Amino acid sequence: MIRKLFQDPLVLFVFFGALVFSIYAYLEQSDNNPVELSDRNRQLFTEQFELLTGRQATQADIAKIENDYIQEEILFREALEAGIHLGNPEIRGTLVEEMRYQATGIFNEPTEEQLVQYYLKHIQRYVIEPAISFQHVFFNQSPDKSMLTLLANGEKVTGDEFWRGRILPDYGISMIRGMFGKDFLERLQTEPLDTWYGPQKSMLGWHFVKVIGTQAASPLTFAEAKMQVQNDYTVDAIATSIDDYISQFGDKYQVIRHVN
């Protein structure tokens, strides 16, 4: 059957045409994108080798340097062709960060005036968050509820050891939420001062708790917030620069947003 097919002139024409086209495409790709080791690069690689080893490179060393470079270049191109960079989060992240740098370049340090203007524009960001001071008796396991009466009567109750102690002064609400959990914080914010309540479960265990003080949010001065202002200014400047860079591509990339 195969022999008969290849006796057909049309089949032969199509087969050899495809073969010639494939060979031509391969050769054209190879010619357009050769793996090239220039004299300049060879010299740089050799100088780096001698700097790291502290000795003059031999002909064998130079041959290995050249071979390593060619191997790495071919493997790199094969990795790109295989799309490895698309499936490896670390490689993808490295490439994205490199493109961020290429797009933004090196930022000049903002002036004091620029920082002050940024601080005033975003002043609502720069506050000392509300804080709560509280006393607690901690238990690893759910405790006897009757202990609440003892605490309310001023009697001593010994719980399990808590690494930060029994009195936690001026803890910011974000720290409390992170340490103990959302439910613990919400109840802490609603209970009256100087009144024991519990047992209250947290992410760490169980607590009898008494709020002993609160502190409202207060604004930070520019001097107090300066480091954060400078960081925020830089982050926003980079984001704006990236947006400007991407906008130049116009319709080159079709973006599809799926909404549930």
C-alpha atoms as a PDB file:
ATOM      1  CA  MET A   1       0.000   0.000   0.000  1.00  0.00           C
ATOM      2  CA  ILE A   2       2.794   2.395   0.986  1.00  0.00           C
ATOM      3  CA  ARG A   3       4.770   1.431  -2.149  1.00  0.00           C
ATOM      4  CA  LYS A   4       1.747   2.213  -4.319  1.00  0.00           C
ATOM      5  CA  LEU A   5       1.286   5.589  -2.653  1.00  0.00           C
ATOM      6  CA  PHE A   6       4.866   6.585  -3.358  1.00  0.00           C
ATOM      7  CA  GLN A   7       4.453   5.553  -6.989  1.00  0.00           C
ATOM      8  CA  ASP A   8       1.844   8.299  -7.336  1.00  0.00           C
ATOM      9  CA  PRO A   9       3.603  11.460  -8.686  1.00  0.00           C
ATOM     10  CA  LEU A  10       1.258  13.768  -6.756  1.00  0.00           C
ATOM     11  CA  VAL A  11       2.038  12.022  -3.447  1.00  0.00           C
ATOM     12  CA  LEU A  12       5.756  12.211  -4.148  1.00  0.00           C
ATOM     13  CA  PHE A  13       5.463  15.894  -4.984  1.00  0.00           C
ATOM     14  CA  VAL A  14       3.627  16.670  -1.752  1.00  0.00           C
ATOM     15  CA  PHE A  15       5.991  14.527   0.358  1.00  0.00           C
ATOM     16  CA  PHE A  16       9.217  15.991  -1.001  1.00  0.00           C
ATOM     17  CA  GLY A  17       7.746  19.468  -0.957  1.00  0.00           C
ATOM     18  CA  ALA A  18       6.980  19.128   2.740  1.00  0.00           C
ATOM     19  CA  LEU A  19      10.422  17.679   3.407  1.00  0.00           C
ATOM     20  CA  VAL A  20      12.202  20.501   1.570  1.00  0.00           C
ATOM     21  CA  PHE A  21      10.077  23.086   3.362  1.00  0.00           C
ATOM     22  CA  SER A  22      10.883  21.553   6.781  1.00  0.00           C
ATOM     23  CA  ILE A  23      14.614  21.467   6.058  1.00  0.00           C
ATOM     24  CA  TYR A  24      14.525  25.028   4.749  1.00  0.00           C
ATOM     25  CA  ALA A  25      12.628  26.249   7.827  1.00  0.00           C
ATOM     26  CA  TYR A  26      15.099  24.529  10.150  1.00  0.00           C
ATOM     27  CA  LEU A  27      18.136  25.910   8.322  1.00  0.00           C
ATOM     28  CA  GLU A  28      16.633  29.386   8.179  1.00  0.00           C
ATOM     29  CA  GLN A  29      15.943  29.308  11.910  1.00  0.00           C
ATOM     30  CA  SER A  30      19.485  28.096  12.601  1.00  0.00           C
ATOM     31  CA  ASP A  31      20.962  30.778  10.341  1.00  0.00           C
ATOM     32  CA  ASN A  32      18.859  33.552  11.845  1.00  0.00           C
ATOM     33  CA  ASN A  33      19.529  32.602  15.459  1.00  0.00           C
ATOM     34  CA  PRO A  34      22.915  30.873  15.720  1.00  0.00           C
ATOM     35  CA  VAL A  35      24.544  29.957  19.011  1.00  0.00           C
ATOM     36  CA  GLU A  36      27.462  32.354  18.863  1.00  0.00           C
ATOM     37  CA  LEU A  37      30.415  32.772  21.209  1.00  0.00           C
ATOM     38  CA  SER A  38      32.150  36.040  20.394  1.00  0.00           C
ATOM     39  CA  ASP A  39      35.785  36.784  21.171  1.00  0.00           C
ATOM     40  CA  ARG A  40      34.622  39.485  23.574  1.00  0.00           C
ATOM     41  CA  ASN A  41      32.455  37.066  25.562  1.00  0.00           C
ATOM     42  CA  ARG A  42      35.188  34.430  25.567  1.00  0.00           C
ATOM     43  CA  GLN A  43      37.559  37.006  27.008  1.00  0.00           C
ATOM     44  CA  LEU A  44      35.069  38.094  29.663  1.00  0.00           C
ATOM     45  CA  PHE A  45      34.337  34.512  30.707  1.00  0.00           C
ATOM     46  CA  THR A  46      38.042  33.762  30.921  1.00  0.00           C
ATOM     47  CA  GLU A  47      38.701  36.872  33.031  1.00  0.00           C
ATOM     48  CA  GLN A  48      35.868  35.913  35.392  1.00  0.00           C
ATOM     49  CA  PHE A  49      37.279  32.384  35.701  1.00  0.00           C
ATOM     50  CA  GLU A  50      40.760  33.714  36.534  1.00  0.00           C
ATOM     51  CA  LEU A  51      39.311  36.188  39.037  1.00  0.00           C
ATOM     52  CA  LEU A  52      37.380  33.445  40.843  1.00  0.00           C
ATOM     53  CA  THR A  53      40.105  30.785  40.781  1.00  0.00           C
ATOM     54  CA  GLY A  54      43.112  33.049  41.257  1.00  0.00           C
ATOM     55  CA  ARG A  55      45.061  31.367  38.449  1.00  0.00           C
ATOM     56  CA  GLN A  56      45.584  31.720  34.721  1.00  0.00           C
ATOM     57  CA  ALA A  57      43.158  29.762  32.575  1.00  0.00           C
ATOM     58  CA  THR A  58      44.654  26.874  30.605  1.00  0.00           C
ATOM     59  CA  GLN A  59      43.561  25.808  27.130  1.00  0.00           C
ATOM     60  CA  ALA A  60      41.559  23.020  28.774  1.00  0.00           C
ATOM     61  CA  ASP A  61      39.855  25.574  31.041  1.00  0.00           C
ATOM     62  CA  ILE A  62      38.999  27.803  28.080  1.00  0.00           C
ATOM     63  CA  ALA A  63      37.646  24.837  26.128  1.00  0.00           C
ATOM     64  CA  LYS A  64      35.425  23.908  29.079  1.00  0.00           C
ATOM     65  CA  ILE A  65      34.262  27.526  29.436  1.00  0.00           C
ATOM     66  CA  GLU A  66      33.281  27.559  25.768  1.00  0.00           C
ATOM     67  CA  ASN A  67      31.535  24.197  25.990  1.00  0.00           C
ATOM     68  CA  ASP A  68      29.634  25.225  29.137  1.00  0.00           C
ATOM     69  CA  TYR A  69      28.451  28.417  27.465  1.00  0.00           C
ATOM     70  CA  ILE A  70      27.224  26.593  24.353  1.00  0.00           C
ATOM     71  CA  GLN A  71      25.494  23.929  26.471  1.00  0.00           C
ATOM     72  CA  GLU A  72      23.756  26.529  28.606  1.00  0.00           C
ATOM     73  CA  GLU A  73      22.636  28.547  25.601  1.00  0.00           C
ATOM     74  CA  ILE A  74      21.164  25.512  23.841  1.00  0.00           C
ATOM     75  CA  LEU A  75      19.480  24.249  27.013  1.00  0.00           C
ATOM     76  CA  PHE A  76      18.097  27.737  27.670  1.00  0.00           C
ATOM     77  CA  ARG A  77      16.588  27.939  24.197  1.00  0.00           C
ATOM     78  CA  GLU A  78      15.154  24.444  24.515  1.00  0.00           C
ATOM     79  CA  ALA A  79      13.622  25.404  27.880  1.00  0.00           C
ATOM     80  CA  LEU A  80      11.937  28.415  26.289  1.00  0.00           C
ATOM     81  CA  GLU A  81      10.687  26.305  23.386  1.00  0.00           C
ATOM     82  CA  ALA A  82       9.303  23.740  25.831  1.00  0.00           C
ATOM     83  CA  GLY A  83       7.547  26.515  27.772  1.00  0.00           C
ATOM     84  CA  ILE A  84       9.162  25.566  31.094  1.00  0.00           C
ATOM     85  CA  HIS A  85       9.115  29.208  32.139  1.00  0.00           C
ATOM     86  CA  LEU A  86       5.322  29.185  31.843  1.00  0.00           C
ATOM     87  CA  GLY A  87       4.855  26.339  34.312  1.00  0.00           C
ATOM     88  CA  ASN A  88       7.543  27.114  36.885  1.00  0.00           C
ATOM     89  CA  PRO A  89       6.458  29.875  39.324  1.00  0.00           C
ATOM     90  CA  GLU A  90      10.029  30.724  40.366  1.00  0.00           C
ATOM     91  CA  ILE A  91      11.290  31.135  36.807  1.00  0.00           C
ATOM     92  CA  ARG A  92       8.152  33.061  35.869  1.00  0.00           C
ATOM     93  CA  GLY A  93       8.621  35.363  38.876  1.00  0.00           C
ATOM     94  CA  THR A  94      12.267  35.997  37.998  1.00  0.00           C
ATOM     95  CA  LEU A  95      11.373  36.918  34.421  1.00  0.00           C
ATOM     96  CA  VAL A  96       8.538  39.187  35.559  1.00  0.00           C
ATOM     97  CA  GLU A  97      10.800  40.994  38.030  1.00  0.00           C
ATOM     98  CA  GLU A  98      13.470  41.437  35.359  1.00  0.00           C
ATOM     99  CA  MET A  99      10.878  42.954  33.030  1.00  0.00           C
ATOM    100  CA  ARG A 100       9.720  45.267  35.819  1.00  0.00           C
ATOM    101  CA  TYR A 101      13.277  46.512  36.125  1.00  0.00           C
ATOM    102  CA  GLN A 102      13.603  46.860  32.350  1.00  0.00           C
ATOM    103  CA  ALA A 103      10.347  48.818  32.235  1.00  0.00           C
ATOM    104  CA  THR A 104      11.024  51.123  35.168  1.00  0.00           C
ATOM    105  CA  GLY A 105      14.797  51.468  35.280  1.00  0.00           C
ATOM    106  CA  ILE A 106      16.369  53.062  38.324  1.00  0.00           C
ATOM    107  CA  PHE A 107      14.261  55.587  40.203  1.00  0.00           C
ATOM    108  CA  ASN A 108      15.795  58.769  41.500  1.00  0.00           C
ATOM    109  CA  GLU A 109      15.321  59.388  45.208  1.00  0.00           C
ATOM    110  CA  PRO A 110      12.240  61.573  45.749  1.00  0.00           C
ATOM    111  CA  THR A 111      12.807  65.030  47.141  1.00  0.00           C
ATOM    112  CA  GLU A 112      11.583  66.067  50.575  1.00  0.00           C
ATOM    113  CA  GLU A 113       8.956  68.241  48.925  1.00  0.00           C
ATOM    114  CA  GLN A 114       7.636  65.324  46.858  1.00  0.00           C
ATOM    115  CA  LEU A 115       7.389  63.163  49.954  1.00  0.00           C
ATOM    116  CA  VAL A 116       5.554  65.837  51.936  1.00  0.00           C
ATOM    117  CA  GLN A 117       3.071  66.321  49.096  1.00  0.00           C
ATOM    118  CA  TYR A 118       2.531  62.555  48.910  1.00  0.00           C
ATOM    119  CA  TYR A 119       2.067  62.372  52.694  1.00  0.00           C
ATOM    120  CA  LEU A 120      -0.568  65.127  52.661  1.00  0.00           C
ATOM    121  CA  LYS A 121      -2.397  63.536  49.728  1.00  0.00           C
ATOM    122  CA  HIS A 122      -2.566  60.135  51.457  1.00  0.00           C
ATOM    123  CA  ILE A 123      -2.569  61.287  55.077  1.00  0.00           C
ATOM    124  CA  GLN A 124      -5.372  58.860  55.978  1.00  0.00           C
ATOM    125  CA  ARG A 125      -2.875  56.011  55.567  1.00  0.00           C
ATOM    126  CA  TYR A 126      -0.509  57.271  58.217  1.00  0.00           C
ATOM    127  CA  VAL A 127      -2.125  56.684  61.569  1.00  0.00           C
ATOM    128  CA  ILE A 128      -1.355  54.727  64.693  1.00  0.00           C
ATOM    129  CA  GLU A 129      -4.098  52.113  64.705  1.00  0.00           C
ATOM    130  CA  PRO A 130      -6.427  51.700  67.678  1.00  0.00           C
ATOM    131  CA  ALA A 131      -4.972  49.641  70.499  1.00  0.00           C
ATOM    132  CA  ILE A 132      -6.390  47.651  73.404  1.00  0.00           C
ATOM    133  CA  SER A 133      -4.767  46.703  76.699  1.00  0.00           C
ATOM    134  CA  PHE A 134      -6.133  43.574  78.334  1.00  0.00           C
ATOM    135  CA  GLN A 135      -5.485  41.020  81.021  1.00  0.00           C
ATOM    136  CA  HIS A 136      -6.178  37.351  80.498  1.00  0.00           C
ATOM    137  CA  VAL A 137      -5.874  33.901  82.047  1.00  0.00           C
ATOM    138  CA  PHE A 138      -4.946  31.360  79.415  1.00  0.00           C
ATOM    139  CA  PHE A 139      -5.885  27.662  79.139  1.00  0.00           C
ATOM    140  CA  ASN A 140      -4.786  25.151  76.523  1.00  0.00           C
ATOM    141  CA  GLN A 141      -8.064  23.238  76.945  1.00  0.00           C
ATOM    142  CA  SER A 142     -11.591  24.484  77.543  1.00  0.00           C
ATOM    143  CA  PRO A 143     -11.682  25.516  81.263  1.00  0.00           C
ATOM    144  CA  ASP A 144     -14.384  25.249  83.925  1.00  0.00           C
ATOM    145  CA  LYS A 145     -16.774  28.192  83.431  1.00  0.00           C
ATOM    146  CA  SER A 146     -17.091  28.622  87.203  1.00  0.00           C
ATOM    147  CA  MET A 147     -13.626  30.205  87.208  1.00  0.00           C
ATOM    148  CA  LEU A 148     -15.236  33.359  85.828  1.00  0.00           C
ATOM    149  CA  THR A 149     -16.990  33.909  89.177  1.00  0.00           C
ATOM    150  CA  LEU A 150     -13.704  33.564  91.043  1.00  0.00           C
ATOM    151  CA  LEU A 151     -12.052  36.151  88.804  1.00  0.00           C
ATOM    152  CA  ALA A 152     -15.011  38.522  89.126  1.00  0.00           C
ATOM    153  CA  ASN A 153     -14.676  38.282  92.927  1.00  0.00           C
ATOM    154  CA  GLY A 154     -11.021  39.209  92.751  1.00  0.00           C
ATOM    155  CA  GLU A 155      -9.729  35.737  93.536  1.00  0.00           C
ATOM    156  CA  LYS A 156      -6.607  34.345  91.907  1.00  0.00           C
ATOM    157  CA  VAL A 157      -6.959  31.816  89.117  1.00  0.00           C
ATOM    158  CA  THR A 158      -3.886  30.041  87.810  1.00  0.00           C
ATOM    159  CA  GLY A 159      -4.092  29.042  84.167  1.00  0.00           C
ATOM    160  CA  ASP A 160      -1.556  27.613  81.754  1.00  0.00           C
ATOM    161  CA  GLU A 161       1.601  29.486  80.876  1.00  0.00           C
ATOM    162  CA  PHE A 162       1.296  32.057  78.083  1.00  0.00           C
ATOM    163  CA  TRP A 163       4.567  33.161  76.525  1.00  0.00           C
ATOM    164  CA  ARG A 164       3.646  36.860  76.498  1.00  0.00           C
ATOM    165  CA  GLY A 165       2.400  36.933  80.051  1.00  0.00           C
ATOM    166  CA  ARG A 166      -0.983  37.739  81.563  1.00  0.00           C
ATOM    167  CA  ILE A 167      -1.081  41.479  80.802  1.00  0.00           C
ATOM    168  CA  LEU A 168      -0.846  42.603  77.177  1.00  0.00           C
ATOM    169  CA  PRO A 169      -0.543  46.410  77.031  1.00  0.00           C
ATOM    170  CA  ASP A 170      -1.421  48.564  74.008  1.00  0.00           C
ATOM    171  CA  TYR A 171      -1.733  45.794  71.445  1.00  0.00           C
ATOM    172  CA  GLY A 172      -2.780  47.129  68.024  1.00  0.00           C
ATOM    173  CA  ILE A 173      -5.958  45.623  66.632  1.00  0.00           C
ATOM    174  CA  SER A 174      -4.127  44.092  63.673  1.00  0.00           C
ATOM    175  CA  MET A 175      -1.707  42.341  66.036  1.00  0.00           C
ATOM    176  CA  ILE A 176      -4.578  41.056  68.168  1.00  0.00           C
ATOM    177  CA  ARG A 177      -6.409  39.783  65.077  1.00  0.00           C
ATOM    178  CA  GLY A 178      -3.263  38.065  63.829  1.00  0.00           C
ATOM    179  CA  MET A 179      -2.448  36.419  67.161  1.00  0.00           C
ATOM    180  CA  PHE A 180      -5.871  35.505  68.492  1.00  0.00           C
ATOM    181  CA  GLY A 181      -8.277  35.637  65.543  1.00  0.00           C
ATOM    182  CA  LYS A 182     -11.171  37.741  64.294  1.00  0.00           C
ATOM    183  CA  ASP A 183     -13.800  36.477  66.771  1.00  0.00           C
ATOM    184  CA  PHE A 184     -11.522  37.138  69.740  1.00  0.00           C
ATOM    185  CA  LEU A 185     -10.884  40.711  68.582  1.00  0.00           C
ATOM    186  CA  GLU A 186     -14.544  41.480  67.880  1.00  0.00           C
ATOM    187  CA  ARG A 187     -15.610  40.489  71.368  1.00  0.00           C
ATOM    188  CA  LEU A 188     -12.657  42.312  72.918  1.00  0.00           C
ATOM    189  CA  GLN A 189     -13.833  45.495  71.190  1.00  0.00           C
ATOM    190  CA  THR A 190     -17.373  45.242  72.539  1.00  0.00           C
ATOM    191  CA  GLU A 191     -16.807  44.263  76.171  1.00  0.00           C
ATOM    192  CA  PRO A 192     -16.824  46.968  78.908  1.00  0.00           C
ATOM    193  CA  LEU A 193     -13.671  47.982  80.779  1.00  0.00           C
ATOM    194  CA  ASP A 194     -12.554  46.190  83.917  1.00  0.00           C
ATOM    195  CA  THR A 195     -15.040  43.323  83.601  1.00  0.00           C
ATOM    196  CA  TRP A 196     -13.984  39.702  83.315  1.00  0.00           C
ATOM    197  CA  TYR A 197     -15.640  37.606  80.615  1.00  0.00           C
ATOM    198  CA  GLY A 198     -15.082  34.184  79.110  1.00  0.00           C
ATOM    199  CA  PRO A 199     -14.084  31.587  78.497  1.00  0.00           C
ATOM    200  CA  GLN A 200     -13.329  33.024  75.045  1.00  0.00           C
ATOM    201  CA  LYS A 201     -11.803  30.761  72.394  1.00  0.00           C
ATOM    202  CA  SER A 202      -8.927  32.035  70.263  1.00  0.00           C
ATOM    203  CA  MET A 203      -6.594  30.503  67.698  1.00  0.00           C
ATOM    204  CA  LEU A 204      -4.247  29.671  70.591  1.00  0.00           C
ATOM    205  CA  GLY A 205      -6.586  28.227  73.160  1.00  0.00           C
ATOM    206  CA  TRP A 206      -9.084  29.530  75.735  1.00  0.00           C
ATOM    207  CA  HIS A 207      -9.047  32.755  77.752  1.00  0.00           C
ATOM    208  CA  PHE A 208     -10.792  34.589  80.520  1.00  0.00           C
ATOM    209  CA  VAL A 209     -10.314  38.229  79.535  1.00  0.00           C
ATOM    210  CA  LYS A 210     -10.611  41.693  81.078  1.00  0.00           C
ATOM    211  CA  VAL A 211     -10.163  44.875  79.033  1.00  0.00           C
ATOM    212  CA  ILE A 212      -8.091  47.341  81.043  1.00  0.00           C
ATOM    213  CA  GLY A 213      -7.629  50.166  78.545  1.00  0.00           C
ATOM    214  CA  THR A 214      -8.201  51.385  74.997  1.00  0.00           C
ATOM    215  CA  GLN A 215      -6.418  53.822  72.738  1.00  0.00           C
ATOM    216  CA  ALA A 216      -8.044  55.497  69.752  1.00  0.00           C
ATOM    217  CA  ALA A 217      -6.353  55.860  66.364  1.00  0.00           C
ATOM    218  CA  SER A 218      -4.052  58.884  66.114  1.00  0.00           C
ATOM    219  CA  PRO A 219      -2.288  60.468  63.137  1.00  0.00           C
ATOM    220  CA  LEU A 220       1.447  60.067  62.551  1.00  0.00           C
ATOM    221  CA  THR A 221       3.498  63.167  61.902  1.00  0.00           C
ATOM    222  CA  PHE A 222       5.466  63.347  58.668  1.00  0.00           C
ATOM    223  CA  ALA A 223       8.695  62.741  60.592  1.00  0.00           C
ATOM    224  CA  GLU A 224       7.220  59.626  62.232  1.00  0.00           C
ATOM    225  CA  ALA A 225       5.839  58.292  58.951  1.00  0.00           C
ATOM    226  CA  LYS A 226       8.670  59.353  56.633  1.00  0.00           C
ATOM    227  CA  MET A 227      10.130  55.887  56.011  1.00  0.00           C
ATOM    228  CA  GLN A 228       6.708  54.433  55.217  1.00  0.00           C
ATOM    229  CA  VAL A 229       5.866  57.454  53.047  1.00  0.00           C
ATOM    230  CA  GLN A 230       9.059  56.972  51.034  1.00  0.00           C
ATOM    231  CA  ASN A 231       8.315  53.277  50.587  1.00  0.00           C
ATOM    232  CA  ASP A 232       4.712  53.925  49.517  1.00  0.00           C
ATOM    233  CA  TYR A 233       5.833  56.689  47.138  1.00  0.00           C
ATOM    234  CA  THR A 234       8.281  54.303  45.449  1.00  0.00           C
ATOM    235  CA  VAL A 235       5.734  51.469  45.203  1.00  0.00           C
ATOM    236  CA  ASP A 236       3.156  53.775  43.618  1.00  0.00           C
ATOM    237  CA  ALA A 237       5.737  55.264  41.241  1.00  0.00           C
ATOM    238  CA  ILE A 238       6.775  51.788  40.067  1.00  0.00           C
ATOM    239  CA  ALA A 239       3.140  50.735  39.588  1.00  0.00           C
ATOM    240  CA  THR A 240       2.453  53.869  37.525  1.00  0.00           C
ATOM    241  CA  SER A 241       5.576  53.293  35.458  1.00  0.00           C
ATOM    242  CA  ILE A 242       4.564  49.684  34.755  1.00  0.00           C
ATOM    243  CA  ASP A 243       1.056  50.799  33.738  1.00  0.00           C
ATOM    244  CA  ASP A 244       2.568  53.346  31.332  1.00  0.00           C
ATOM    245  CA  TYR A 245       4.909  50.697  29.910  1.00  0.00           C
ATOM    246  CA  ILE A 246       2.106  48.194  29.339  1.00  0.00           C
ATOM    247  CA  SER A 247      -0.211  50.801  27.823  1.00  0.00           C
ATOM    248  CA  GLN A 248       2.164  51.250  24.877  1.00  0.00           C
ATOM    249  CA  PHE A 249       1.311  47.739  23.654  1.00  0.00           C
ATOM    250  CA  GLY A 250      -2.224  48.813  22.832  1.00  0.00           C
ATOM    251  CA  ASP A 251      -4.176  45.853  21.449  1.00  0.00           C
ATOM    252  CA  LYS A 252      -1.150  43.543  21.190  1.00  0.00           C
ATOM    253  CA  TYR A 253      -2.472  41.422  24.076  1.00  0.00           C
ATOM    254  CA  GLN A 254      -6.096  40.428  24.250  1.00  0.00           C
ATOM    255  CA  VAL A 255      -7.232  40.471  27.880  1.00  0.00           C
ATOM    256  CA  ILE A 256     -10.253  38.367  28.812  1.00  0.00           C
ATOM    257  CA  ARG A 257     -11.701  38.777  32.305  1.00  0.00           C
ATOM    258  CA  HIS A 258     -14.033  35.976  33.378  1.00  0.00           C
ATOM    259  CA  VAL A 259     -16.674  37.116  35.850  1.00  0.00           C
ATOM    260  CA  ASN A 260     -18.715  34.561  37.775  1.00  0.00           C
END
